[in-house]
Amino acid sequence: MSAGFPPIFLQSGTRDLFLSNAVRLHHKLRHVGARVQLHVFEAMPHGGFSGSPEDMELAAEVVRLVTECLPSSVR
């Protein structure tokens, strides 16, 4: 892994089978200096909540990251 990765958004839930994988990946990417965000949602299983308020919060976080990564001329 190297810092050359594009910005990365990781999401998981406390009931997600892959939570530990997401945490380890987040740690490794931060270690090499990559721009990465990890969001862990309480009680979320793998795949989200199917339209719940938590899914809306998750969508807002994705939009925020994408907006931050766009050049200011495009925002």
PDB file of N, CA and C in Angstrom:
ATOM      1  N   MET A   1       0.848  -1.174   0.000  1.00  0.00           N
ATOM      2  CA  MET A   1       0.000   0.000   0.000  1.00  0.00           C
ATOM      3  C   MET A   1       0.888   1.230   0.000  1.00  0.00           C
ATOM      4  N   SER A   2       0.382   2.266  -0.659  1.00  0.00           N
ATOM      5  CA  SER A   2       1.143   3.507  -0.704  1.00  0.00           C
ATOM      6  C   SER A   2       0.206   4.692  -0.580  1.00  0.00           C
ATOM      7  N   ALA A   3       0.792   5.864  -0.380  1.00  0.00           N
ATOM      8  CA  ALA A   3       0.002   7.082  -0.229  1.00  0.00           C
ATOM      9  C   ALA A   3      -0.626   7.514  -1.544  1.00  0.00           C
ATOM     10  N   GLY A   4      -0.324   6.849  -2.632  1.00  0.00           N
ATOM     11  CA  GLY A   4      -0.854   7.218  -3.935  1.00  0.00           C
ATOM     12  C   GLY A   4      -2.312   6.859  -4.149  1.00  0.00           C
ATOM     13  N   PHE A   5      -2.959   6.281  -3.172  1.00  0.00           N
ATOM     14  CA  PHE A   5      -4.373   5.952  -3.308  1.00  0.00           C
ATOM     15  C   PHE A   5      -5.202   7.228  -3.393  1.00  0.00           C
ATOM     16  N   PRO A   6      -6.312   7.197  -4.135  1.00  0.00           N
ATOM     17  CA  PRO A   6      -7.233   8.336  -4.095  1.00  0.00           C
ATOM     18  C   PRO A   6      -7.918   8.371  -2.728  1.00  0.00           C
ATOM     19  N   PRO A   7      -8.635   9.430  -2.405  1.00  0.00           N
ATOM     20  CA  PRO A   7      -9.369   9.461  -1.135  1.00  0.00           C
ATOM     21  C   PRO A   7     -10.300   8.244  -1.021  1.00  0.00           C
ATOM     22  N   ILE A   8     -10.351   7.670   0.160  1.00  0.00           N
ATOM     23  CA  ILE A   8     -11.099   6.432   0.375  1.00  0.00           C
ATOM     24  C   ILE A   8     -12.098   6.627   1.509  1.00  0.00           C
ATOM     25  N   PHE A   9     -13.312   6.131   1.292  1.00  0.00           N
ATOM     26  CA  PHE A   9     -14.384   6.178   2.282  1.00  0.00           C
ATOM     27  C   PHE A   9     -14.723   4.742   2.650  1.00  0.00           C
ATOM     28  N   LEU A  10     -14.519   4.389   3.897  1.00  0.00           N
ATOM     29  CA  LEU A  10     -14.870   3.053   4.382  1.00  0.00           C
ATOM     30  C   LEU A  10     -16.055   3.163   5.321  1.00  0.00           C
ATOM     31  N   GLN A  11     -16.973   2.243   5.197  1.00  0.00           N
ATOM     32  CA  GLN A  11     -18.109   2.213   6.111  1.00  0.00           C
ATOM     33  C   GLN A  11     -18.306   0.798   6.598  1.00  0.00           C
ATOM     34  N   SER A  12     -18.784   0.710   7.817  1.00  0.00           N
ATOM     35  CA  SER A  12     -19.101  -0.584   8.399  1.00  0.00           C
ATOM     36  C   SER A  12     -20.082  -0.352   9.535  1.00  0.00           C
ATOM     37  N   GLY A  13     -20.526  -1.415  10.119  1.00  0.00           N
ATOM     38  CA  GLY A  13     -21.421  -1.325  11.261  1.00  0.00           C
ATOM     39  C   GLY A  13     -20.934  -2.234  12.367  1.00  0.00           C
ATOM     40  N   THR A  14     -21.416  -1.998  13.553  1.00  0.00           N
ATOM     41  CA  THR A  14     -20.981  -2.809  14.682  1.00  0.00           C
ATOM     42  C   THR A  14     -21.466  -4.254  14.568  1.00  0.00           C
ATOM     43  N   ARG A  15     -22.413  -4.510  13.675  1.00  0.00           N
ATOM     44  CA  ARG A  15     -22.887  -5.884  13.449  1.00  0.00           C
ATOM     45  C   ARG A  15     -22.473  -6.407  12.079  1.00  0.00           C
ATOM     46  N   ASP A  16     -21.530  -5.747  11.458  1.00  0.00           N
ATOM     47  CA  ASP A  16     -21.042  -6.150  10.136  1.00  0.00           C
ATOM     48  C   ASP A  16     -19.965  -7.214  10.294  1.00  0.00           C
ATOM     49  N   LEU A  17     -20.095  -8.284   9.569  1.00  0.00           N
ATOM     50  CA  LEU A  17     -19.118  -9.363   9.594  1.00  0.00           C
ATOM     51  C   LEU A  17     -17.722  -8.859   9.233  1.00  0.00           C
ATOM     52  N   PHE A  18     -17.634  -7.806   8.417  1.00  0.00           N
ATOM     53  CA  PHE A  18     -16.358  -7.313   7.924  1.00  0.00           C
ATOM     54  C   PHE A  18     -15.840  -6.085   8.679  1.00  0.00           C
ATOM     55  N   LEU A  19     -16.387  -5.810   9.848  1.00  0.00           N
ATOM     56  CA  LEU A  19     -15.951  -4.648  10.622  1.00  0.00           C
ATOM     57  C   LEU A  19     -14.452  -4.696  10.909  1.00  0.00           C
ATOM     58  N   SER A  20     -13.953  -5.815  11.377  1.00  0.00           N
ATOM     59  CA  SER A  20     -12.524  -5.888  11.706  1.00  0.00           C
ATOM     60  C   SER A  20     -11.660  -5.701  10.464  1.00  0.00           C
ATOM     61  N   ASN A  21     -12.109  -6.181   9.317  1.00  0.00           N
ATOM     62  CA  ASN A  21     -11.364  -5.960   8.073  1.00  0.00           C
ATOM     63  C   ASN A  21     -11.317  -4.480   7.724  1.00  0.00           C
ATOM     64  N   ALA A  22     -12.428  -3.793   7.885  1.00  0.00           N
ATOM     65  CA  ALA A  22     -12.476  -2.357   7.587  1.00  0.00           C
ATOM     66  C   ALA A  22     -11.547  -1.582   8.510  1.00  0.00           C
ATOM     67  N   VAL A  23     -11.517  -1.948   9.778  1.00  0.00           N
ATOM     68  CA  VAL A  23     -10.654  -1.268  10.745  1.00  0.00           C
ATOM     69  C   VAL A  23      -9.187  -1.507  10.399  1.00  0.00           C
ATOM     70  N   ARG A  24      -8.825  -2.742  10.066  1.00  0.00           N
ATOM     71  CA  ARG A  24      -7.435  -3.039   9.696  1.00  0.00           C
ATOM     72  C   ARG A  24      -7.025  -2.307   8.430  1.00  0.00           C
ATOM     73  N   LEU A  25      -7.907  -2.271   7.432  1.00  0.00           N
ATOM     74  CA  LEU A  25      -7.605  -1.556   6.192  1.00  0.00           C
ATOM     75  C   LEU A  25      -7.428  -0.071   6.466  1.00  0.00           C
ATOM     76  N   HIS A  26      -8.291   0.501   7.274  1.00  0.00           N
ATOM     77  CA  HIS A  26      -8.189   1.909   7.644  1.00  0.00           C
ATOM     78  C   HIS A  26      -6.837   2.193   8.291  1.00  0.00           C
ATOM     79  N   HIS A  27      -6.437   1.343   9.212  1.00  0.00           N
ATOM     80  CA  HIS A  27      -5.160   1.512   9.908  1.00  0.00           C
ATOM     81  C   HIS A  27      -3.992   1.457   8.926  1.00  0.00           C
ATOM     82  N   LYS A  28      -3.988   0.486   8.028  1.00  0.00           N
ATOM     83  CA  LYS A  28      -2.895   0.338   7.062  1.00  0.00           C
ATOM     84  C   LYS A  28      -2.825   1.534   6.118  1.00  0.00           C
ATOM     85  N   LEU A  29      -3.972   2.001   5.657  1.00  0.00           N
ATOM     86  CA  LEU A  29      -3.985   3.147   4.741  1.00  0.00           C
ATOM     87  C   LEU A  29      -3.510   4.415   5.441  1.00  0.00           C
ATOM     88  N   ARG A  30      -3.923   4.619   6.681  1.00  0.00           N
ATOM     89  CA  ARG A  30      -3.439   5.795   7.435  1.00  0.00           C
ATOM     90  C   ARG A  30      -1.937   5.703   7.671  1.00  0.00           C
ATOM     91  N   HIS A  31      -1.443   4.506   7.901  1.00  0.00           N
ATOM     92  CA  HIS A  31      -0.020   4.297   8.153  1.00  0.00           C
ATOM     93  C   HIS A  31       0.837   4.737   6.963  1.00  0.00           C
ATOM     94  N   VAL A  32       0.325   4.551   5.737  1.00  0.00           N
ATOM     95  CA  VAL A  32       1.095   4.958   4.552  1.00  0.00           C
ATOM     96  C   VAL A  32       0.774   6.387   4.120  1.00  0.00           C
ATOM     97  N   GLY A  33      -0.099   7.058   4.860  1.00  0.00           N
ATOM     98  CA  GLY A  33      -0.396   8.454   4.564  1.00  0.00           C
ATOM     99  C   GLY A  33      -1.531   8.687   3.590  1.00  0.00           C
ATOM    100  N   ALA A  34      -2.316   7.660   3.296  1.00  0.00           N
ATOM    101  CA  ALA A  34      -3.453   7.823   2.385  1.00  0.00           C
ATOM    102  C   ALA A  34      -4.563   8.607   3.083  1.00  0.00           C
ATOM    103  N   ARG A  35      -5.341   9.316   2.291  1.00  0.00           N
ATOM    104  CA  ARG A  35      -6.497  10.039   2.817  1.00  0.00           C
ATOM    105  C   ARG A  35      -7.661   9.055   2.906  1.00  0.00           C
ATOM    106  N   VAL A  36      -8.053   8.708   4.116  1.00  0.00           N
ATOM    107  CA  VAL A  36      -9.078   7.686   4.310  1.00  0.00           C
ATOM    108  C   VAL A  36      -9.957   8.062   5.491  1.00  0.00           C
ATOM    109  N   GLN A  37     -11.236   7.780   5.352  1.00  0.00           N
ATOM    110  CA  GLN A  37     -12.197   7.989   6.432  1.00  0.00           C
ATOM    111  C   GLN A  37     -12.897   6.667   6.715  1.00  0.00           C
ATOM    112  N   LEU A  38     -13.065   6.374   8.000  1.00  0.00           N
ATOM    113  CA  LEU A  38     -13.802   5.190   8.414  1.00  0.00           C
ATOM    114  C   LEU A  38     -15.013   5.630   9.214  1.00  0.00           C
ATOM    115  N   HIS A  39     -16.176   5.167   8.815  1.00  0.00           N
ATOM    116  CA  HIS A  39     -17.419   5.461   9.530  1.00  0.00           C
ATOM    117  C   HIS A  39     -18.018   4.136   9.984  1.00  0.00           C
ATOM    118  N   VAL A  40     -18.198   4.008  11.296  1.00  0.00           N
ATOM    119  CA  VAL A  40     -18.793   2.803  11.874  1.00  0.00           C
ATOM    120  C   VAL A  40     -20.118   3.199  12.507  1.00  0.00           C
ATOM    121  N   PHE A  41     -21.183   2.544  12.064  1.00  0.00           N
ATOM    122  CA  PHE A  41     -22.521   2.859  12.534  1.00  0.00           C
ATOM    123  C   PHE A  41     -22.995   1.809  13.529  1.00  0.00           C
ATOM    124  N   GLU A  42     -23.563   2.274  14.631  1.00  0.00           N
ATOM    125  CA  GLU A  42     -24.064   1.401  15.683  1.00  0.00           C
ATOM    126  C   GLU A  42     -25.162   0.483  15.156  1.00  0.00           C
ATOM    127  N   ALA A  43     -25.010  -0.801  15.393  1.00  0.00           N
ATOM    128  CA  ALA A  43     -25.990  -1.845  15.080  1.00  0.00           C
ATOM    129  C   ALA A  43     -26.217  -2.070  13.590  1.00  0.00           C
ATOM    130  N   MET A  44     -25.442  -1.436  12.707  1.00  0.00           N
ATOM    131  CA  MET A  44     -25.652  -1.625  11.275  1.00  0.00           C
ATOM    132  C   MET A  44     -25.061  -2.960  10.833  1.00  0.00           C
ATOM    133  N   PRO A  45     -25.857  -3.770  10.131  1.00  0.00           N
ATOM    134  CA  PRO A  45     -25.330  -5.008   9.569  1.00  0.00           C
ATOM    135  C   PRO A  45     -24.628  -4.706   8.252  1.00  0.00           C
ATOM    136  N   HIS A  46     -24.056  -5.703   7.628  1.00  0.00           N
ATOM    137  CA  HIS A  46     -23.432  -5.510   6.325  1.00  0.00           C
ATOM    138  C   HIS A  46     -24.522  -5.121   5.322  1.00  0.00           C
ATOM    139  N   GLY A  47     -24.346  -4.027   4.641  1.00  0.00           N
ATOM    140  CA  GLY A  47     -25.302  -3.605   3.624  1.00  0.00           C
ATOM    141  C   GLY A  47     -26.173  -2.434   4.015  1.00  0.00           C
ATOM    142  N   GLY A  48     -26.094  -1.955   5.223  1.00  0.00           N
ATOM    143  CA  GLY A  48     -26.853  -0.775   5.605  1.00  0.00           C
ATOM    144  C   GLY A  48     -28.198  -1.088   6.218  1.00  0.00           C
ATOM    145  N   PHE A  49     -28.989  -0.023   6.367  1.00  0.00           N
ATOM    146  CA  PHE A  49     -30.283  -0.113   7.037  1.00  0.00           C
ATOM    147  C   PHE A  49     -31.471  -0.004   6.084  1.00  0.00           C
ATOM    148  N   SER A  50     -31.230   0.070   4.807  1.00  0.00           N
ATOM    149  CA  SER A  50     -32.304   0.110   3.801  1.00  0.00           C
ATOM    150  C   SER A  50     -33.238   1.303   3.952  1.00  0.00           C
ATOM    151  N   GLY A  51     -32.695   2.504   3.876  1.00  0.00           N
ATOM    152  CA  GLY A  51     -33.516   3.703   3.856  1.00  0.00           C
ATOM    153  C   GLY A  51     -33.751   4.367   5.188  1.00  0.00           C
ATOM    154  N   SER A  52     -33.080   3.949   6.215  1.00  0.00           N
ATOM    155  CA  SER A  52     -33.266   4.543   7.536  1.00  0.00           C
ATOM    156  C   SER A  52     -32.553   5.892   7.646  1.00  0.00           C
ATOM    157  N   PRO A  53     -32.776   6.631   8.725  1.00  0.00           N
ATOM    158  CA  PRO A  53     -32.050   7.888   8.929  1.00  0.00           C
ATOM    159  C   PRO A  53     -30.532   7.696   8.927  1.00  0.00           C
ATOM    160  N   GLU A  54     -30.067   6.538   9.395  1.00  0.00           N
ATOM    161  CA  GLU A  54     -28.632   6.268   9.373  1.00  0.00           C
ATOM    162  C   GLU A  54     -28.102   6.212   7.938  1.00  0.00           C
ATOM    163  N   ASP A  55     -28.895   5.675   7.029  1.00  0.00           N
ATOM    164  CA  ASP A  55     -28.489   5.648   5.624  1.00  0.00           C
ATOM    165  C   ASP A  55     -28.400   7.071   5.067  1.00  0.00           C
ATOM    166  N   MET A  56     -29.294   7.940   5.503  1.00  0.00           N
ATOM    167  CA  MET A  56     -29.245   9.342   5.067  1.00  0.00           C
ATOM    168  C   MET A  56     -27.981  10.018   5.597  1.00  0.00           C
ATOM    169  N   GLU A  57     -27.621   9.709   6.832  1.00  0.00           N
ATOM    170  CA  GLU A  57     -26.390  10.252   7.417  1.00  0.00           C
ATOM    171  C   GLU A  57     -25.175   9.757   6.636  1.00  0.00           C
ATOM    172  N   LEU A  58     -25.181   8.485   6.285  1.00  0.00           N
ATOM    173  CA  LEU A  58     -24.096   7.903   5.513  1.00  0.00           C
ATOM    174  C   LEU A  58     -23.983   8.580   4.149  1.00  0.00           C
ATOM    175  N   ALA A  59     -25.099   8.776   3.476  1.00  0.00           N
ATOM    176  CA  ALA A  59     -25.092   9.445   2.176  1.00  0.00           C
ATOM    177  C   ALA A  59     -24.538  10.860   2.289  1.00  0.00           C
ATOM    178  N   ALA A  60     -24.894  11.559   3.344  1.00  0.00           N
ATOM    179  CA  ALA A  60     -24.381  12.918   3.546  1.00  0.00           C
ATOM    180  C   ALA A  60     -22.873  12.917   3.743  1.00  0.00           C
ATOM    181  N   GLU A  61     -22.335  11.913   4.437  1.00  0.00           N
ATOM    182  CA  GLU A  61     -20.888  11.814   4.633  1.00  0.00           C
ATOM    183  C   GLU A  61     -20.165  11.547   3.313  1.00  0.00           C
ATOM    184  N   VAL A  62     -20.750  10.707   2.473  1.00  0.00           N
ATOM    185  CA  VAL A  62     -20.152  10.432   1.156  1.00  0.00           C
ATOM    186  C   VAL A  62     -20.143  11.702   0.324  1.00  0.00           C
ATOM    187  N   VAL A  63     -21.249  12.428   0.315  1.00  0.00           N
ATOM    188  CA  VAL A  63     -21.330  13.690  -0.439  1.00  0.00           C
ATOM    189  C   VAL A  63     -20.286  14.680   0.073  1.00  0.00           C
ATOM    190  N   ARG A  64     -20.121  14.753   1.386  1.00  0.00           N
ATOM    191  CA  ARG A  64     -19.139  15.671   1.971  1.00  0.00           C
ATOM    192  C   ARG A  64     -17.726  15.332   1.509  1.00  0.00           C
ATOM    193  N   LEU A  65     -17.371  14.044   1.532  1.00  0.00           N
ATOM    194  CA  LEU A  65     -16.035  13.641   1.097  1.00  0.00           C
ATOM    195  C   LEU A  65     -15.813  13.949  -0.377  1.00  0.00           C
ATOM    196  N   VAL A  66     -16.788  13.616  -1.203  1.00  0.00           N
ATOM    197  CA  VAL A  66     -16.646  13.881  -2.635  1.00  0.00           C
ATOM    198  C   VAL A  66     -16.524  15.380  -2.889  1.00  0.00           C
ATOM    199  N   THR A  67     -17.331  16.172  -2.219  1.00  0.00           N
ATOM    200  CA  THR A  67     -17.274  17.627  -2.381  1.00  0.00           C
ATOM    201  C   THR A  67     -15.921  18.169  -1.959  1.00  0.00           C
ATOM    202  N   GLU A  68     -15.372  17.674  -0.852  1.00  0.00           N
ATOM    203  CA  GLU A  68     -14.055  18.130  -0.391  1.00  0.00           C
ATOM    204  C   GLU A  68     -12.962  17.783  -1.385  1.00  0.00           C
ATOM    205  N   CYS A  69     -13.130  16.705  -2.126  1.00  0.00           N
ATOM    206  CA  CYS A  69     -12.098  16.243  -3.056  1.00  0.00           C
ATOM    207  C   CYS A  69     -12.178  16.934  -4.411  1.00  0.00           C
ATOM    208  N   LEU A  70     -13.288  17.591  -4.692  1.00  0.00           N
ATOM    209  CA  LEU A  70     -13.425  18.287  -5.969  1.00  0.00           C
ATOM    210  C   LEU A  70     -12.629  19.591  -5.965  1.00  0.00           C
ATOM    211  N   PRO A  71     -12.082  19.978  -7.114  1.00  0.00           N
ATOM    212  CA  PRO A  71     -11.419  21.278  -7.171  1.00  0.00           C
ATOM    213  C   PRO A  71     -12.434  22.378  -6.851  1.00  0.00           C
ATOM    214  N   SER A  72     -11.971  23.462  -6.270  1.00  0.00           N
ATOM    215  CA  SER A  72     -12.870  24.547  -5.868  1.00  0.00           C
ATOM    216  C   SER A  72     -13.627  25.130  -7.051  1.00  0.00           C
ATOM    217  N   SER A  73     -13.080  25.053  -8.247  1.00  0.00           N
ATOM    218  CA  SER A  73     -13.757  25.588  -9.426  1.00  0.00           C
ATOM    219  C   SER A  73     -14.987  24.782  -9.805  1.00  0.00           C
ATOM    220  N   VAL A  74     -15.083  23.538  -9.335  1.00  0.00           N
ATOM    221  CA  VAL A  74     -16.207  22.668  -9.668  1.00  0.00           C
ATOM    222  C   VAL A  74     -17.264  22.688  -8.590  1.00  0.00           C
ATOM    223  N   ARG A  75     -16.884  23.010  -7.370  1.00  0.00           N
ATOM    224  CA  ARG A  75     -17.831  22.969  -6.252  1.00  0.00           C
ATOM    225  C   ARG A  75     -18.903  23.936  -6.485  1.00  0.00           C
TER     226      ARG A  75
END
